[in-house]
C-alpha atoms as a PDB file:
ATOM      1  CA  MET A   1       9.576  -7.706  98.960  1.00  0.00           C
ATOM      2  CA  PRO A   2      10.405  -9.316  95.615  1.00  0.00           C
ATOM      3  CA  GLU A   3      13.859  -8.909  94.169  1.00  0.00           C
ATOM      4  CA  LYS A   4      14.055  -6.576  91.163  1.00  0.00           C
ATOM      5  CA  VAL A   5      16.453  -7.922  88.553  1.00  0.00           C
ATOM      6  CA  LEU A   6      17.695  -6.678  85.188  1.00  0.00           C
ATOM      7  CA  LEU A   7      18.750  -9.607  83.008  1.00  0.00           C
ATOM      8  CA  ILE A   8      21.069  -8.646  80.109  1.00  0.00           C
ATOM      9  CA  ASP A   9      21.929 -11.222  77.427  1.00  0.00           C
ATOM     10  CA  ASP A  10      21.932 -11.218  73.626  1.00  0.00           C
ATOM     11  CA  GLU A  11      20.501 -14.763  73.426  1.00  0.00           C
ATOM     12  CA  LYS A  12      16.751 -14.140  73.360  1.00  0.00           C
ATOM     13  CA  GLU A  13      15.788 -17.750  74.108  1.00  0.00           C
ATOM     14  CA  PHE A  14      18.083 -17.753  77.140  1.00  0.00           C
ATOM     15  CA  LEU A  15      16.571 -14.435  78.291  1.00  0.00           C
ATOM     16  CA  THR A  16      13.047 -15.797  78.008  1.00  0.00           C
ATOM     17  CA  ASN A  17      13.800 -19.075  79.777  1.00  0.00           C
ATOM     18  CA  LEU A  18      15.813 -17.581  82.624  1.00  0.00           C
ATOM     19  CA  SER A  19      13.418 -14.692  83.211  1.00  0.00           C
ATOM     20  CA  GLU A  20      10.468 -17.122  83.400  1.00  0.00           C
ATOM     21  CA  ARG A  21      12.334 -19.285  85.909  1.00  0.00           C
ATOM     22  CA  MET A  22      13.205 -16.228  87.990  1.00  0.00           C
ATOM     23  CA  GLU A  23       9.621 -14.931  87.893  1.00  0.00           C
ATOM     24  CA  LEU A  24       8.392 -18.336  89.117  1.00  0.00           C
ATOM     25  CA  ARG A  25      10.595 -17.698  92.169  1.00  0.00           C
ATOM     26  CA  GLY A  26       8.788 -14.412  92.817  1.00  0.00           C
ATOM     27  CA  MET A  27      11.291 -11.998  91.262  1.00  0.00           C
ATOM     28  CA  GLN A  28      10.409  -8.957  89.168  1.00  0.00           C
ATOM     29  CA  VAL A  29      12.499  -9.323  86.015  1.00  0.00           C
ATOM     30  CA  LYS A  30      13.204  -6.891  83.196  1.00  0.00           C
ATOM     31  CA  THR A  31      15.230  -8.087  80.222  1.00  0.00           C
ATOM     32  CA  ALA A  32      17.538  -6.392  77.731  1.00  0.00           C
ATOM     33  CA  ALA A  33      19.078  -8.018  74.659  1.00  0.00           C
ATOM     34  CA  THR A  34      21.424  -5.161  73.701  1.00  0.00           C
ATOM     35  CA  ALA A  35      23.709  -2.710  75.483  1.00  0.00           C
ATOM     36  CA  ASP A  36      21.494   0.202  74.388  1.00  0.00           C
ATOM     37  CA  SER A  37      18.331  -1.394  75.758  1.00  0.00           C
ATOM     38  CA  ALA A  38      20.198  -2.237  78.979  1.00  0.00           C
ATOM     39  CA  VAL A  39      21.294   1.385  79.438  1.00  0.00           C
ATOM     40  CA  SER A  40      17.704   2.515  78.793  1.00  0.00           C
ATOM     41  CA  ALA A  41      16.401  -0.027  81.306  1.00  0.00           C
ATOM     42  CA  LEU A  42      18.834   1.293  83.924  1.00  0.00           C
ATOM     43  CA  ASP A  43      17.772   4.919  83.543  1.00  0.00           C
ATOM     44  CA  GLY A  44      15.069   5.752  86.025  1.00  0.00           C
ATOM     45  CA  ASN A  45      14.839   2.222  87.418  1.00  0.00           C
ATOM     46  CA  ASP A  46      16.238   0.717  90.570  1.00  0.00           C
ATOM     47  CA  TYR A  47      17.321  -2.925  90.606  1.00  0.00           C
ATOM     48  CA  ASP A  48      18.541  -5.150  93.390  1.00  0.00           C
ATOM     49  CA  ALA A  49      20.812  -6.980  90.953  1.00  0.00           C
ATOM     50  CA  ILE A  50      21.886  -7.074  87.331  1.00  0.00           C
ATOM     51  CA  VAL A  51      22.647 -10.427  85.740  1.00  0.00           C
ATOM     52  CA  LEU A  52      24.916  -9.667  82.806  1.00  0.00           C
ATOM     53  CA  ASP A  53      26.262 -11.865  79.995  1.00  0.00           C
ATOM     54  CA  LEU A  54      30.003 -11.500  79.475  1.00  0.00           C
ATOM     55  CA  GLN A  55      29.897 -12.075  75.696  1.00  0.00           C
ATOM     56  CA  MET A  56      27.598  -9.730  73.782  1.00  0.00           C
ATOM     57  CA  PRO A  57      28.075  -8.575  70.192  1.00  0.00           C
ATOM     58  CA  ASP A  58      27.517  -4.840  70.693  1.00  0.00           C
ATOM     59  CA  MET A  59      29.437  -4.459  73.977  1.00  0.00           C
ATOM     60  CA  ASN A  60      31.203  -7.107  76.016  1.00  0.00           C
ATOM     61  CA  GLY A  61      30.216  -7.657  79.610  1.00  0.00           C
ATOM     62  CA  ILE A  62      33.386  -6.090  81.015  1.00  0.00           C
ATOM     63  CA  GLU A  63      32.721  -2.840  79.110  1.00  0.00           C
ATOM     64  CA  MET A  64      29.066  -2.932  80.163  1.00  0.00           C
ATOM     65  CA  LEU A  65      30.113  -3.529  83.782  1.00  0.00           C
ATOM     66  CA  LYS A  66      32.384  -0.462  83.604  1.00  0.00           C
ATOM     67  CA  ALA A  67      29.532   1.642  82.181  1.00  0.00           C
ATOM     68  CA  ILE A  68      27.127   0.436  84.885  1.00  0.00           C
ATOM     69  CA  LYS A  69      29.593   1.147  87.679  1.00  0.00           C
ATOM     70  CA  VAL A  70      30.246   4.692  86.402  1.00  0.00           C
ATOM     71  CA  ARG A  71      26.526   5.539  86.464  1.00  0.00           C
ATOM     72  CA  HIS A  72      25.470   3.291  89.368  1.00  0.00           C
ATOM     73  CA  PRO A  73      28.521   2.524  91.537  1.00  0.00           C
ATOM     74  CA  ASP A  74      26.554   0.618  94.177  1.00  0.00           C
ATOM     75  CA  MET A  75      24.745  -1.631  91.679  1.00  0.00           C
ATOM     76  CA  GLN A  76      25.208  -5.344  92.355  1.00  0.00           C
ATOM     77  CA  VAL A  77      26.253  -7.091  89.120  1.00  0.00           C
ATOM     78  CA  ILE A  78      26.512 -10.834  88.582  1.00  0.00           C
ATOM     79  CA  LEU A  79      28.320 -11.805  85.371  1.00  0.00           C
ATOM     80  CA  LEU A  80      27.334 -14.949  83.462  1.00  0.00           C
ATOM     81  CA  THR A  81      29.396 -16.543  80.745  1.00  0.00           C
ATOM     82  CA  GLY A  82      29.600 -19.679  78.692  1.00  0.00           C
ATOM     83  CA  HIS A  83      33.297 -18.967  78.108  1.00  0.00           C
ATOM     84  CA  ALA A  84      34.694 -18.459  81.602  1.00  0.00           C
ATOM     85  CA  THR A  85      38.342 -17.711  82.121  1.00  0.00           C
ATOM     86  CA  VAL A  86      40.079 -17.035  85.393  1.00  0.00           C
ATOM     87  CA  GLU A  87      41.405 -13.752  83.973  1.00  0.00           C
ATOM     88  CA  ALA A  88      37.929 -12.523  83.033  1.00  0.00           C
ATOM     89  CA  GLY A  89      36.603 -13.453  86.461  1.00  0.00           C
ATOM     90  CA  ILE A  90      39.422 -11.631  88.237  1.00  0.00           C
ATOM     91  CA  GLN A  91      38.997  -8.568  86.034  1.00  0.00           C
ATOM     92  CA  ALA A  92      35.235  -8.524  86.641  1.00  0.00           C
ATOM     93  CA  MET A  93      35.688  -8.729  90.412  1.00  0.00           C
ATOM     94  CA  LYS A  94      38.297  -5.946  90.369  1.00  0.00           C
ATOM     95  CA  LEU A  95      35.837  -3.761  88.453  1.00  0.00           C
ATOM     96  CA  GLY A  96      33.168  -4.294  91.079  1.00  0.00           C
ATOM     97  CA  ALA A  97      31.179  -7.336  89.976  1.00  0.00           C
ATOM     98  CA  MET A  98      29.543  -9.065  92.901  1.00  0.00           C
ATOM     99  CA  ASP A  99      30.020 -12.511  91.399  1.00  0.00           C
ATOM    100  CA  PHE A 100      30.921 -14.450  88.268  1.00  0.00           C
ATOM    101  CA  MET A 101      29.090 -17.632  87.175  1.00  0.00           C
ATOM    102  CA  GLU A 102      29.320 -20.040  84.269  1.00  0.00           C
ATOM    103  CA  LYS A 103      26.397 -20.811  81.978  1.00  0.00           C
ATOM    104  CA  PRO A 104      24.216 -22.673  82.292  1.00  0.00           C
ATOM    105  CA  ALA A 105      23.713 -21.073  85.690  1.00  0.00           C
ATOM    106  CA  ASP A 106      22.226 -23.201  88.414  1.00  0.00           C
ATOM    107  CA  ILE A 107      18.958 -21.360  89.146  1.00  0.00           C
ATOM    108  CA  ASP A 108      19.100 -22.073  92.875  1.00  0.00           C
ATOM    109  CA  SER A 109      22.640 -20.738  93.133  1.00  0.00           C
ATOM    110  CA  LEU A 110      21.764 -17.687  91.025  1.00  0.00           C
ATOM    111  CA  THR A 111      18.651 -17.046  93.140  1.00  0.00           C
ATOM    112  CA  GLU A 112      20.759 -17.166  96.295  1.00  0.00           C
ATOM    113  CA  LYS A 113      23.264 -14.693  94.824  1.00  0.00           C
ATOM    114  CA  ILE A 114      20.420 -12.337  93.869  1.00  0.00           C
ATOM    115  CA  LYS A 115      19.029 -12.513  97.422  1.00  0.00           C
ATOM    116  CA  LYS A 116      22.508 -11.650  98.744  1.00  0.00           C
ATOM    117  CA  ALA A 117      22.686  -8.746  96.279  1.00  0.00           C
ATOM    118  CA  GLN A 118      19.351  -7.423  97.563  1.00  0.00           C
ATOM    119  CA  ALA A 119      20.557  -7.678 101.173  1.00  0.00           C
ATOM    120  CA  LYS A 120      23.829  -5.914 100.320  1.00  0.00           C
ATOM    121  CA  LYS A 121      21.934  -3.158  98.522  1.00  0.00           C
ATOM    122  CA  MET A 122      19.674  -2.658 101.554  1.00  0.00           C
ATOM    123  CA  VAL A 123      22.729  -2.265 103.814  1.00  0.00           C
ATOM    124  CA  ILE A 124      24.217   0.335 101.427  1.00  0.00           C
ATOM    125  CA  VAL A 125      20.937   2.284 101.274  1.00  0.00           C
ATOM    126  CA  GLU A 126      20.523   2.203 105.064  1.00  0.00           C
ATOM    127  CA  LYS A 127      24.117   3.376 105.613  1.00  0.00           C
ATOM    128  CA  ARG A 128      23.686   6.187 103.098  1.00  0.00           C
ATOM    129  CA  ALA A 129      20.472   7.309 104.857  1.00  0.00           C
ATOM    130  CA  ALA A 130      22.153   7.172 108.294  1.00  0.00           C
ATOM    131  CA  ASP A 131      25.117   9.186 106.963  1.00  0.00           C
ATOM    132  CA  LYS A 132      22.745  11.780 105.515  1.00  0.00           C
ATOM    133  CA  VAL A 133      20.854  12.110 108.816  1.00  0.00           C
ATOM    134  CA  SER A 134      24.137  12.392 110.724  1.00  0.00           C
ATOM    135  CA  ASP A 135      25.382  15.066 108.325  1.00  0.00           C
ATOM    136  CA  ILE A 136      22.158  17.061 108.661  1.00  0.00           C
ATOM    137  CA  LEU A 137      22.239  16.862 112.447  1.00  0.00           C
ATOM    138  CA  SER A 138      25.891  17.900 112.635  1.00  0.00           C
ATOM    139  CA  HIS A 139      25.329  20.940 110.418  1.00  0.00           C
ATOM    140  CA  LYS A 140      22.077  22.080 112.011  1.00  0.00           C
ATOM    141  CA  GLY A 141      23.468  21.950 115.534  1.00  0.00           C
ATOM    142  CA  TRP A 142      20.385  20.330 117.060  1.00  0.00           C
END
């Protein structure tokens, strides 16, 4: 099953290049160049991972990460930045980012992180389903 990825970055050339490279690796990629288009892309869609730029003009990556985690707490987010700082990385991880990478991202490393995100998401979904079944069985008395 191909990984479904939302790629959020304000640099359109970067979006095009990275999404093409990801699609060549069999991923289904949707792109967003603004915070508004990213929020729209999240509504009604399910992604295995979000690859998010830390520096965007309309909303920085930390604020976007917070917004994503409020609406989709289990979403796996990988932050990318050309201006990495230890503080930003620590803050991102505390807010629930799965990982933090510097641009230009090594495509093989990024691909591996996306595969791990998909696996982690599958575990969360399976646990949630098992919990729901257990809850139903305990309340029905079967």
